Amino acid sequence: MSRVHDAMERARLRPVSAPPEAAQSPATPALVPSPLPHDEELPLVVTPPAVASSAIDAAINVDTVIDPNIDPIVVDEFRKLASAVHQAQSAQDLKILTVASGTAEEGKSMTALNLALTLATSYHREVLLIDADLRAPSLAGRLEAPAAPGLTDLLNAPPGSSWPLHRVSPTLSLLTAGHRTRDPISRISSAKMKQFMIEAREKFDTIIIDTPPVGPFPDAALLSAMADATILVVRAGTASYKVAQRAIDVLGEERILGVVLNRVAWAAFNESYGYYGRYRQKG
């Protein structure tokens, strides 16, 4: 049995009516709706690259690994995850990572954000965090950044347009999802998207892509195919084994670098209690 399957077993994946109260992570903010009801066809107005924002500065310090009030166990677990990713990058040519989950509300976006922050701050890597969940983006709302322009706008822009990035920390940049589109698949699978990923690989040490849940749509699989590896986030105690297994099958087990067991009841590991959980690397 592979370590991916072992991680799922350790998570004790099974449907339950509700997770233990102590295992709850901070509430996920409501998604910021796009201001447009259909594809944006207006000329692109791009913000200067890596724009800093006082709102982002304030938001990033709440319920993340750089929040001085967060449980130190959470910080330590993300350092372990970042260390595993850093070691894998040193051993292989891994620059582009997708963070995926089988269903919504498993914590993939916060995992992507905290992993990006940890790699940027602890390893001084130039990191680009991309919200590629074009169906239900959340990172702009979480960080109080403008939802647009973002990825969809960049893909609609003429060649050579500036990238509408937001500076989250001295070495971490954010590309939001951008204006809503009725056809996210065509954006994700476009030649412009592939070219953007090629150029981003040259500019950044690490690129972390927050994908939509695997669910009924092919978005996550398409994005994973453009990446060097995928990290699968599984919410322990609530996700079903069947859903997690389907996500592995869709993404391809050979492409999964490891599994993050999110909101783990740490007592199951005979250790102290925490809400972000553990990392099990495939090998």
C-alpha atoms as a PDB file:
ATOM      1  CA  MET A   1       0.000   0.000   0.000  1.00  0.00           C
ATOM      2  CA  SER A   2       1.408   3.409  -0.947  1.00  0.00           C
ATOM      3  CA  ARG A   3       2.000   6.188   1.511  1.00  0.00           C
ATOM      4  CA  VAL A   4      -0.772   8.183  -0.176  1.00  0.00           C
ATOM      5  CA  HIS A   5      -3.222   5.460   0.764  1.00  0.00           C
ATOM      6  CA  ASP A   6      -1.626   5.174   4.197  1.00  0.00           C
ATOM      7  CA  ALA A   7      -2.200   8.885   4.755  1.00  0.00           C
ATOM      8  CA  MET A   8      -5.845   8.504   3.853  1.00  0.00           C
ATOM      9  CA  GLU A   9      -6.193   5.610   6.277  1.00  0.00           C
ATOM     10  CA  ARG A  10      -4.521   7.597   9.047  1.00  0.00           C
ATOM     11  CA  ALA A  11      -6.990  10.408   8.411  1.00  0.00           C
ATOM     12  CA  ARG A  12      -9.765   7.932   9.212  1.00  0.00           C
ATOM     13  CA  LEU A  13     -11.758   9.154   6.255  1.00  0.00           C
ATOM     14  CA  ARG A  14     -15.469   8.570   6.751  1.00  0.00           C
ATOM     15  CA  PRO A  15     -18.637  10.629   6.528  1.00  0.00           C
ATOM     16  CA  VAL A  16     -19.673  12.188   9.803  1.00  0.00           C
ATOM     17  CA  SER A  17     -22.412  14.610  10.717  1.00  0.00           C
ATOM     18  CA  ALA A  18     -19.986  17.267  11.962  1.00  0.00           C
ATOM     19  CA  PRO A  19     -16.284  17.484  12.889  1.00  0.00           C
ATOM     20  CA  PRO A  20     -15.239  17.867  16.533  1.00  0.00           C
ATOM     21  CA  GLU A  21     -15.555  21.478  17.636  1.00  0.00           C
ATOM     22  CA  ALA A  22     -11.910  21.671  18.620  1.00  0.00           C
ATOM     23  CA  ALA A  23     -10.851  20.655  15.131  1.00  0.00           C
ATOM     24  CA  GLN A  24     -12.451  23.637  13.443  1.00  0.00           C
ATOM     25  CA  SER A  25     -10.159  26.046  11.624  1.00  0.00           C
ATOM     26  CA  PRO A  26     -10.917  29.778  11.552  1.00  0.00           C
ATOM     27  CA  ALA A  27     -14.037  30.484   9.539  1.00  0.00           C
ATOM     28  CA  THR A  28     -13.504  30.789   5.813  1.00  0.00           C
ATOM     29  CA  PRO A  29     -14.525  34.236   4.575  1.00  0.00           C
ATOM     30  CA  ALA A  30     -17.391  34.522   2.143  1.00  0.00           C
ATOM     31  CA  LEU A  31     -16.335  34.480  -1.484  1.00  0.00           C
ATOM     32  CA  VAL A  32     -16.095  37.833  -3.199  1.00  0.00           C
ATOM     33  CA  PRO A  33     -18.492  37.821  -6.158  1.00  0.00           C
ATOM     34  CA  SER A  34     -17.212  39.045  -9.485  1.00  0.00           C
ATOM     35  CA  PRO A  35     -18.543  42.476 -10.453  1.00  0.00           C
ATOM     36  CA  LEU A  36     -19.408  41.247 -13.945  1.00  0.00           C
ATOM     37  CA  PRO A  37     -22.208  38.823 -14.842  1.00  0.00           C
ATOM     38  CA  HIS A  38     -20.386  37.610 -17.992  1.00  0.00           C
ATOM     39  CA  ASP A  39     -17.003  37.619 -19.684  1.00  0.00           C
ATOM     40  CA  GLU A  40     -15.240  40.966 -19.522  1.00  0.00           C
ATOM     41  CA  GLU A  41     -14.565  42.345 -23.004  1.00  0.00           C
ATOM     42  CA  LEU A  42     -13.389  45.817 -22.025  1.00  0.00           C
ATOM     43  CA  PRO A  43      -9.754  46.861 -22.509  1.00  0.00           C
ATOM     44  CA  LEU A  44      -7.572  45.578 -19.687  1.00  0.00           C
ATOM     45  CA  VAL A  45      -6.494  48.094 -17.069  1.00  0.00           C
ATOM     46  CA  VAL A  46      -3.570  46.495 -15.303  1.00  0.00           C
ATOM     47  CA  THR A  47      -2.278  47.487 -11.894  1.00  0.00           C
ATOM     48  CA  PRO A  48       1.487  47.974 -11.587  1.00  0.00           C
ATOM     49  CA  PRO A  49       3.349  44.722 -10.931  1.00  0.00           C
ATOM     50  CA  ALA A  50       3.633  43.592  -7.323  1.00  0.00           C
ATOM     51  CA  VAL A  51       1.479  46.369  -5.878  1.00  0.00           C
ATOM     52  CA  ALA A  52       1.578  46.557  -2.098  1.00  0.00           C
ATOM     53  CA  SER A  53      -1.645  47.169  -0.173  1.00  0.00           C
ATOM     54  CA  SER A  54      -2.231  48.139   3.435  1.00  0.00           C
ATOM     55  CA  ALA A  55      -5.401  45.991   3.397  1.00  0.00           C
ATOM     56  CA  ILE A  56      -3.386  42.968   2.267  1.00  0.00           C
ATOM     57  CA  ASP A  57      -0.736  43.725   4.892  1.00  0.00           C
ATOM     58  CA  ALA A  58      -3.413  43.645   7.599  1.00  0.00           C
ATOM     59  CA  ALA A  59      -5.279  40.608   6.260  1.00  0.00           C
ATOM     60  CA  ILE A  60      -2.186  38.423   5.843  1.00  0.00           C
ATOM     61  CA  ASN A  61      -1.435  38.731   9.551  1.00  0.00           C
ATOM     62  CA  VAL A  62      -4.711  37.078  10.587  1.00  0.00           C
ATOM     63  CA  ASP A  63      -5.012  33.285  10.912  1.00  0.00           C
ATOM     64  CA  THR A  64      -1.895  32.558   8.854  1.00  0.00           C
ATOM     65  CA  VAL A  65       1.547  31.270   9.773  1.00  0.00           C
ATOM     66  CA  ILE A  66       2.752  34.835  10.329  1.00  0.00           C
ATOM     67  CA  ASP A  67      -0.081  35.648  12.756  1.00  0.00           C
ATOM     68  CA  PRO A  68       1.629  36.115  16.155  1.00  0.00           C
ATOM     69  CA  ASN A  69      -1.470  34.680  17.854  1.00  0.00           C
ATOM     70  CA  ILE A  70      -1.742  31.469  15.853  1.00  0.00           C
ATOM     71  CA  ASP A  71      -1.068  28.118  17.506  1.00  0.00           C
ATOM     72  CA  PRO A  72       2.693  27.394  17.221  1.00  0.00           C
ATOM     73  CA  ILE A  73       1.852  23.807  16.298  1.00  0.00           C
ATOM     74  CA  VAL A  74       0.226  25.080  13.100  1.00  0.00           C
ATOM     75  CA  VAL A  75       3.349  27.036  12.201  1.00  0.00           C
ATOM     76  CA  ASP A  76       5.538  24.023  12.904  1.00  0.00           C
ATOM     77  CA  GLU A  77       3.417  21.751  10.720  1.00  0.00           C
ATOM     78  CA  PHE A  78       3.615  24.143   7.773  1.00  0.00           C
ATOM     79  CA  ARG A  79       7.364  24.386   8.266  1.00  0.00           C
ATOM     80  CA  LYS A  80       7.514  20.597   8.005  1.00  0.00           C
ATOM     81  CA  LEU A  81       5.412  20.708   4.856  1.00  0.00           C
ATOM     82  CA  ALA A  82       7.566  23.471   3.369  1.00  0.00           C
ATOM     83  CA  SER A  83      10.714  21.530   4.281  1.00  0.00           C
ATOM     84  CA  ALA A  84       9.409  18.443   2.480  1.00  0.00           C
ATOM     85  CA  VAL A  85       8.549  20.542  -0.578  1.00  0.00           C
ATOM     86  CA  HIS A  86      11.945  22.292  -0.463  1.00  0.00           C
ATOM     87  CA  GLN A  87      13.773  18.960  -0.285  1.00  0.00           C
ATOM     88  CA  ALA A  88      11.752  17.630  -3.203  1.00  0.00           C
ATOM     89  CA  GLN A  89      12.570  20.765  -5.185  1.00  0.00           C
ATOM     90  CA  SER A  90      16.264  20.315  -4.442  1.00  0.00           C
ATOM     91  CA  ALA A  91      16.174  16.697  -5.610  1.00  0.00           C
ATOM     92  CA  GLN A  92      13.982  17.253  -8.656  1.00  0.00           C
ATOM     93  CA  ASP A  93      13.064  20.060 -11.011  1.00  0.00           C
ATOM     94  CA  LEU A  94       9.863  20.982  -9.188  1.00  0.00           C
ATOM     95  CA  LYS A  95       8.805  24.594  -9.568  1.00  0.00           C
ATOM     96  CA  ILE A  96       5.075  24.487 -10.226  1.00  0.00           C
ATOM     97  CA  LEU A  97       2.835  22.866  -7.611  1.00  0.00           C
ATOM     98  CA  THR A  98      -0.940  22.616  -7.606  1.00  0.00           C
ATOM     99  CA  VAL A  99      -2.892  22.299  -4.373  1.00  0.00           C
ATOM    100  CA  ALA A 100      -6.072  20.298  -4.886  1.00  0.00           C
ATOM    101  CA  SER A 101      -8.857  18.607  -2.927  1.00  0.00           C
ATOM    102  CA  GLY A 102     -11.630  16.164  -3.672  1.00  0.00           C
ATOM    103  CA  THR A 103     -14.436  18.488  -2.579  1.00  0.00           C
ATOM    104  CA  ALA A 104     -14.954  22.036  -1.351  1.00  0.00           C
ATOM    105  CA  GLU A 105     -14.319  23.129   2.248  1.00  0.00           C
ATOM    106  CA  GLU A 106     -11.327  20.852   2.792  1.00  0.00           C
ATOM    107  CA  GLY A 107      -8.908  23.724   3.381  1.00  0.00           C
ATOM    108  CA  LYS A 108      -6.902  23.697   0.150  1.00  0.00           C
ATOM    109  CA  SER A 109      -6.859  27.486  -0.294  1.00  0.00           C
ATOM    110  CA  MET A 110      -5.537  28.143   3.213  1.00  0.00           C
ATOM    111  CA  THR A 111      -3.042  25.323   2.749  1.00  0.00           C
ATOM    112  CA  ALA A 112      -1.843  26.903  -0.496  1.00  0.00           C
ATOM    113  CA  LEU A 113      -1.592  30.326   1.132  1.00  0.00           C
ATOM    114  CA  ASN A 114       0.269  29.140   4.224  1.00  0.00           C
ATOM    115  CA  LEU A 115       2.622  26.931   2.231  1.00  0.00           C
ATOM    116  CA  ALA A 116       3.404  29.862  -0.069  1.00  0.00           C
ATOM    117  CA  LEU A 117       4.004  32.137   2.917  1.00  0.00           C
ATOM    118  CA  THR A 118       6.270  29.615   4.622  1.00  0.00           C
ATOM    119  CA  LEU A 119       8.368  28.986   1.528  1.00  0.00           C
ATOM    120  CA  ALA A 120       8.659  32.727   0.923  1.00  0.00           C
ATOM    121  CA  THR A 121       9.594  33.670   4.493  1.00  0.00           C
ATOM    122  CA  SER A 122      11.554  30.659   5.775  1.00  0.00           C
ATOM    123  CA  TYR A 123      13.389  29.785   2.573  1.00  0.00           C
ATOM    124  CA  HIS A 124      13.494  33.255   0.999  1.00  0.00           C
ATOM    125  CA  ARG A 125      12.062  31.915  -2.230  1.00  0.00           C
ATOM    126  CA  GLU A 126      10.428  34.154  -4.808  1.00  0.00           C
ATOM    127  CA  VAL A 127       6.960  32.630  -4.758  1.00  0.00           C
ATOM    128  CA  LEU A 128       3.931  33.266  -6.953  1.00  0.00           C
ATOM    129  CA  LEU A 129       0.554  32.211  -5.559  1.00  0.00           C
ATOM    130  CA  ILE A 130      -2.164  31.856  -8.217  1.00  0.00           C
ATOM    131  CA  ASP A 131      -5.876  31.588  -7.544  1.00  0.00           C
ATOM    132  CA  ALA A 132      -6.889  29.397 -10.485  1.00  0.00           C
ATOM    133  CA  ASP A 133     -10.222  28.402  -8.967  1.00  0.00           C
ATOM    134  CA  LEU A 134     -12.144  30.377 -11.571  1.00  0.00           C
ATOM    135  CA  ARG A 135     -15.459  28.899 -10.444  1.00  0.00           C
ATOM    136  CA  ALA A 136     -15.288  29.967  -6.787  1.00  0.00           C
ATOM    137  CA  PRO A 137     -12.169  32.056  -6.112  1.00  0.00           C
ATOM    138  CA  SER A 138     -11.402  32.848  -2.480  1.00  0.00           C
ATOM    139  CA  LEU A 139      -7.872  34.215  -2.092  1.00  0.00           C
ATOM    140  CA  ALA A 140      -8.774  37.796  -3.070  1.00  0.00           C
ATOM    141  CA  GLY A 141     -11.499  37.891  -0.430  1.00  0.00           C
ATOM    142  CA  ARG A 142      -9.281  36.231   2.155  1.00  0.00           C
ATOM    143  CA  LEU A 143      -6.474  38.753   1.605  1.00  0.00           C
ATOM    144  CA  GLU A 144      -8.716  41.754   0.942  1.00  0.00           C
ATOM    145  CA  ALA A 145      -7.100  42.228  -2.445  1.00  0.00           C
ATOM    146  CA  PRO A 146      -8.949  43.515  -5.520  1.00  0.00           C
ATOM    147  CA  ALA A 147     -10.592  40.536  -7.219  1.00  0.00           C
ATOM    148  CA  ALA A 148      -9.747  41.914 -10.665  1.00  0.00           C
ATOM    149  CA  PRO A 149      -7.782  42.329 -12.770  1.00  0.00           C
ATOM    150  CA  GLY A 150      -6.345  38.867 -12.337  1.00  0.00           C
ATOM    151  CA  LEU A 151      -5.697  35.617 -14.174  1.00  0.00           C
ATOM    152  CA  THR A 152      -8.668  35.728 -16.547  1.00  0.00           C
ATOM    153  CA  ASP A 153      -7.884  39.338 -17.449  1.00  0.00           C
ATOM    154  CA  LEU A 154      -4.237  38.518 -18.072  1.00  0.00           C
ATOM    155  CA  LEU A 155      -5.237  35.673 -20.374  1.00  0.00           C
ATOM    156  CA  ASN A 156      -7.492  38.088 -22.307  1.00  0.00           C
ATOM    157  CA  ALA A 157      -4.820  40.807 -22.489  1.00  0.00           C
ATOM    158  CA  PRO A 158      -2.591  41.531 -25.497  1.00  0.00           C
ATOM    159  CA  PRO A 159       0.867  39.910 -25.489  1.00  0.00           C
ATOM    160  CA  GLY A 160       3.389  41.812 -23.397  1.00  0.00           C
ATOM    161  CA  SER A 161       0.838  43.223 -20.935  1.00  0.00           C
ATOM    162  CA  SER A 162       1.971  43.712 -17.353  1.00  0.00           C
ATOM    163  CA  TRP A 163       1.018  41.013 -14.895  1.00  0.00           C
ATOM    164  CA  PRO A 164      -1.541  42.289 -12.342  1.00  0.00           C
ATOM    165  CA  LEU A 165       0.278  40.983  -9.281  1.00  0.00           C
ATOM    166  CA  HIS A 166      -0.173  41.999  -5.656  1.00  0.00           C
ATOM    167  CA  ARG A 167       2.730  41.927  -3.248  1.00  0.00           C
ATOM    168  CA  VAL A 168       1.751  39.901  -0.183  1.00  0.00           C
ATOM    169  CA  SER A 169       5.200  39.830   1.429  1.00  0.00           C
ATOM    170  CA  PRO A 170       8.704  40.834   0.282  1.00  0.00           C
ATOM    171  CA  THR A 171       9.056  37.540  -1.618  1.00  0.00           C
ATOM    172  CA  LEU A 172       5.438  36.464  -2.187  1.00  0.00           C
ATOM    173  CA  SER A 173       3.222  37.725  -5.015  1.00  0.00           C
ATOM    174  CA  LEU A 174      -0.451  36.965  -5.583  1.00  0.00           C
ATOM    175  CA  LEU A 175      -2.333  36.639  -8.864  1.00  0.00           C
ATOM    176  CA  THR A 176      -6.070  36.673  -8.163  1.00  0.00           C
ATOM    177  CA  ALA A 177      -8.609  34.842 -10.335  1.00  0.00           C
ATOM    178  CA  GLY A 178      -9.822  38.012 -12.041  1.00  0.00           C
ATOM    179  CA  HIS A 179     -13.173  38.729 -13.626  1.00  0.00           C
ATOM    180  CA  ARG A 180     -15.647  35.890 -13.794  1.00  0.00           C
ATOM    181  CA  THR A 181     -15.851  33.869 -17.004  1.00  0.00           C
ATOM    182  CA  ARG A 182     -18.602  31.588 -18.234  1.00  0.00           C
ATOM    183  CA  ASP A 183     -16.025  29.264 -19.781  1.00  0.00           C
ATOM    184  CA  PRO A 184     -13.190  28.616 -17.316  1.00  0.00           C
ATOM    185  CA  ILE A 185     -12.081  25.476 -19.160  1.00  0.00           C
ATOM    186  CA  SER A 186     -11.194  27.410 -22.314  1.00  0.00           C
ATOM    187  CA  ARG A 187      -9.133  29.857 -20.232  1.00  0.00           C
ATOM    188  CA  ILE A 188      -7.267  27.167 -18.317  1.00  0.00           C
ATOM    189  CA  SER A 189      -6.543  25.044 -21.404  1.00  0.00           C
ATOM    190  CA  SER A 190      -5.613  27.964 -23.664  1.00  0.00           C
ATOM    191  CA  ALA A 191      -2.243  28.463 -25.352  1.00  0.00           C
ATOM    192  CA  LYS A 192      -1.956  31.744 -23.411  1.00  0.00           C
ATOM    193  CA  MET A 193      -2.218  29.863 -20.116  1.00  0.00           C
ATOM    194  CA  LYS A 194       0.527  27.467 -21.143  1.00  0.00           C
ATOM    195  CA  GLN A 195       2.734  30.362 -22.253  1.00  0.00           C
ATOM    196  CA  PHE A 196       2.065  32.207 -19.002  1.00  0.00           C
ATOM    197  CA  MET A 197       3.184  29.157 -17.019  1.00  0.00           C
ATOM    198  CA  ILE A 198       6.390  28.951 -19.066  1.00  0.00           C
ATOM    199  CA  GLU A 199       7.167  32.615 -18.376  1.00  0.00           C
ATOM    200  CA  ALA A 200       6.235  32.346 -14.694  1.00  0.00           C
ATOM    201  CA  ARG A 201       8.614  29.389 -14.303  1.00  0.00           C
ATOM    202  CA  GLU A 202      11.437  31.636 -15.484  1.00  0.00           C
ATOM    203  CA  LYS A 203      10.567  34.505 -13.137  1.00  0.00           C
ATOM    204  CA  PHE A 204       9.815  32.684  -9.851  1.00  0.00           C
ATOM    205  CA  ASP A 205      11.482  30.019  -7.736  1.00  0.00           C
ATOM    206  CA  THR A 206       8.159  28.419  -6.829  1.00  0.00           C
ATOM    207  CA  ILE A 207       4.637  28.727  -8.229  1.00  0.00           C
ATOM    208  CA  ILE A 208       1.731  27.447  -6.143  1.00  0.00           C
ATOM    209  CA  ILE A 209      -1.644  27.115  -7.850  1.00  0.00           C
ATOM    210  CA  ASP A 210      -4.887  26.892  -5.887  1.00  0.00           C
ATOM    211  CA  THR A 211      -7.150  24.741  -8.059  1.00  0.00           C
ATOM    212  CA  PRO A 212     -10.889  24.076  -7.957  1.00  0.00           C
ATOM    213  CA  PRO A 213     -11.924  20.875  -6.155  1.00  0.00           C
ATOM    214  CA  VAL A 214     -11.698  17.823  -8.384  1.00  0.00           C
ATOM    215  CA  GLY A 215     -15.492  17.342  -8.190  1.00  0.00           C
ATOM    216  CA  PRO A 216     -17.369  17.041 -11.488  1.00  0.00           C
ATOM    217  CA  PHE A 217     -15.158  19.455 -13.455  1.00  0.00           C
ATOM    218  CA  PRO A 218     -11.830  18.830 -15.260  1.00  0.00           C
ATOM    219  CA  ASP A 219     -10.190  22.095 -14.128  1.00  0.00           C
ATOM    220  CA  ALA A 220      -7.966  20.567 -11.429  1.00  0.00           C
ATOM    221  CA  ALA A 221      -6.738  17.789 -13.713  1.00  0.00           C
ATOM    222  CA  LEU A 222      -5.921  20.282 -16.486  1.00  0.00           C
ATOM    223  CA  LEU A 223      -3.974  22.499 -14.083  1.00  0.00           C
ATOM    224  CA  SER A 224      -2.230  19.523 -12.521  1.00  0.00           C
ATOM    225  CA  ALA A 225      -1.025  18.444 -15.966  1.00  0.00           C
ATOM    226  CA  MET A 226       0.741  21.816 -16.323  1.00  0.00           C
ATOM    227  CA  ALA A 227       2.409  21.471 -12.931  1.00  0.00           C
ATOM    228  CA  ASP A 228       5.388  19.422 -11.803  1.00  0.00           C
ATOM    229  CA  ALA A 229       3.535  17.868  -8.864  1.00  0.00           C
ATOM    230  CA  THR A 230       0.324  18.113  -6.834  1.00  0.00           C
ATOM    231  CA  ILE A 231      -0.374  18.300  -3.116  1.00  0.00           C
ATOM    232  CA  LEU A 232      -3.716  16.775  -2.201  1.00  0.00           C
ATOM    233  CA  VAL A 233      -5.556  18.254   0.786  1.00  0.00           C
ATOM    234  CA  VAL A 234      -7.934  15.943   2.646  1.00  0.00           C
ATOM    235  CA  ARG A 235     -10.086  17.042   5.553  1.00  0.00           C
ATOM    236  CA  ALA A 236      -9.692  14.339   8.152  1.00  0.00           C
ATOM    237  CA  GLY A 237     -12.815  12.837   9.649  1.00  0.00           C
ATOM    238  CA  THR A 238     -15.262  14.339   7.166  1.00  0.00           C
ATOM    239  CA  ALA A 239     -14.072  13.492   3.659  1.00  0.00           C
ATOM    240  CA  SER A 240     -15.076  10.061   2.396  1.00  0.00           C
ATOM    241  CA  TYR A 241     -12.447   7.584   1.316  1.00  0.00           C
ATOM    242  CA  LYS A 242     -14.274   7.181  -1.999  1.00  0.00           C
ATOM    243  CA  VAL A 243     -14.073  10.907  -2.791  1.00  0.00           C
ATOM    244  CA  ALA A 244     -10.393  11.089  -1.862  1.00  0.00           C
ATOM    245  CA  GLN A 245      -9.612   7.996  -3.926  1.00  0.00           C
ATOM    246  CA  ARG A 246     -11.429   9.457  -6.915  1.00  0.00           C
ATOM    247  CA  ALA A 247      -9.353  12.646  -6.603  1.00  0.00           C
ATOM    248  CA  ILE A 248      -6.180  10.541  -6.630  1.00  0.00           C
ATOM    249  CA  ASP A 249      -7.385   8.636  -9.693  1.00  0.00           C
ATOM    250  CA  VAL A 250      -8.290  11.832 -11.569  1.00  0.00           C
ATOM    251  CA  LEU A 251      -5.083  13.678 -10.709  1.00  0.00           C
ATOM    252  CA  GLY A 252      -2.851  10.625 -11.132  1.00  0.00           C
ATOM    253  CA  GLU A 253      -1.168   9.098  -8.104  1.00  0.00           C
ATOM    254  CA  GLU A 254       2.226   9.378  -9.802  1.00  0.00           C
ATOM    255  CA  ARG A 255       1.797  13.177  -9.843  1.00  0.00           C
ATOM    256  CA  ILE A 256       0.891  13.517  -6.175  1.00  0.00           C
ATOM    257  CA  LEU A 257       3.851  14.687  -4.121  1.00  0.00           C
ATOM    258  CA  GLY A 258       2.053  14.162  -0.829  1.00  0.00           C
ATOM    259  CA  VAL A 259      -1.175  14.415   1.133  1.00  0.00           C
ATOM    260  CA  VAL A 260      -2.003  17.078   3.708  1.00  0.00           C
ATOM    261  CA  LEU A 261      -4.348  15.770   6.378  1.00  0.00           C
ATOM    262  CA  ASN A 262      -6.181  18.912   7.319  1.00  0.00           C
ATOM    263  CA  ARG A 263      -7.921  19.550  10.679  1.00  0.00           C
ATOM    264  CA  VAL A 264      -6.593  16.358  12.177  1.00  0.00           C
ATOM    265  CA  ALA A 265      -7.678  15.213  15.635  1.00  0.00           C
ATOM    266  CA  TRP A 266      -4.128  15.033  16.891  1.00  0.00           C
ATOM    267  CA  ALA A 267      -5.072  12.672  19.700  1.00  0.00           C
ATOM    268  CA  ALA A 268      -5.232  10.001  17.007  1.00  0.00           C
ATOM    269  CA  PHE A 269      -1.485  10.421  16.639  1.00  0.00           C
ATOM    270  CA  ASN A 270      -0.846  10.420  20.413  1.00  0.00           C
ATOM    271  CA  GLU A 271       0.247  14.026  20.201  1.00  0.00           C
ATOM    272  CA  SER A 272      -1.174  17.429  21.085  1.00  0.00           C
ATOM    273  CA  TYR A 273      -4.238  18.772  19.285  1.00  0.00           C
ATOM    274  CA  GLY A 274      -4.166  21.030  16.253  1.00  0.00           C
ATOM    275  CA  TYR A 275      -6.339  21.938  13.308  1.00  0.00           C
ATOM    276  CA  TYR A 276      -4.177  21.947  10.216  1.00  0.00           C
ATOM    277  CA  GLY A 277      -2.854  18.450  10.384  1.00  0.00           C
ATOM    278  CA  ARG A 278      -0.080  16.436   8.885  1.00  0.00           C
ATOM    279  CA  TYR A 279       1.780  15.824   5.682  1.00  0.00           C
ATOM    280  CA  ARG A 280       2.397  12.372   4.301  1.00  0.00           C
ATOM    281  CA  GLN A 281       4.798  12.265   1.384  1.00  0.00           C
ATOM    282  CA  LYS A 282       4.409   9.741  -1.366  1.00  0.00           C
ATOM    283  CA  GLY A 283       7.379   7.479  -1.830  1.00  0.00           C
END
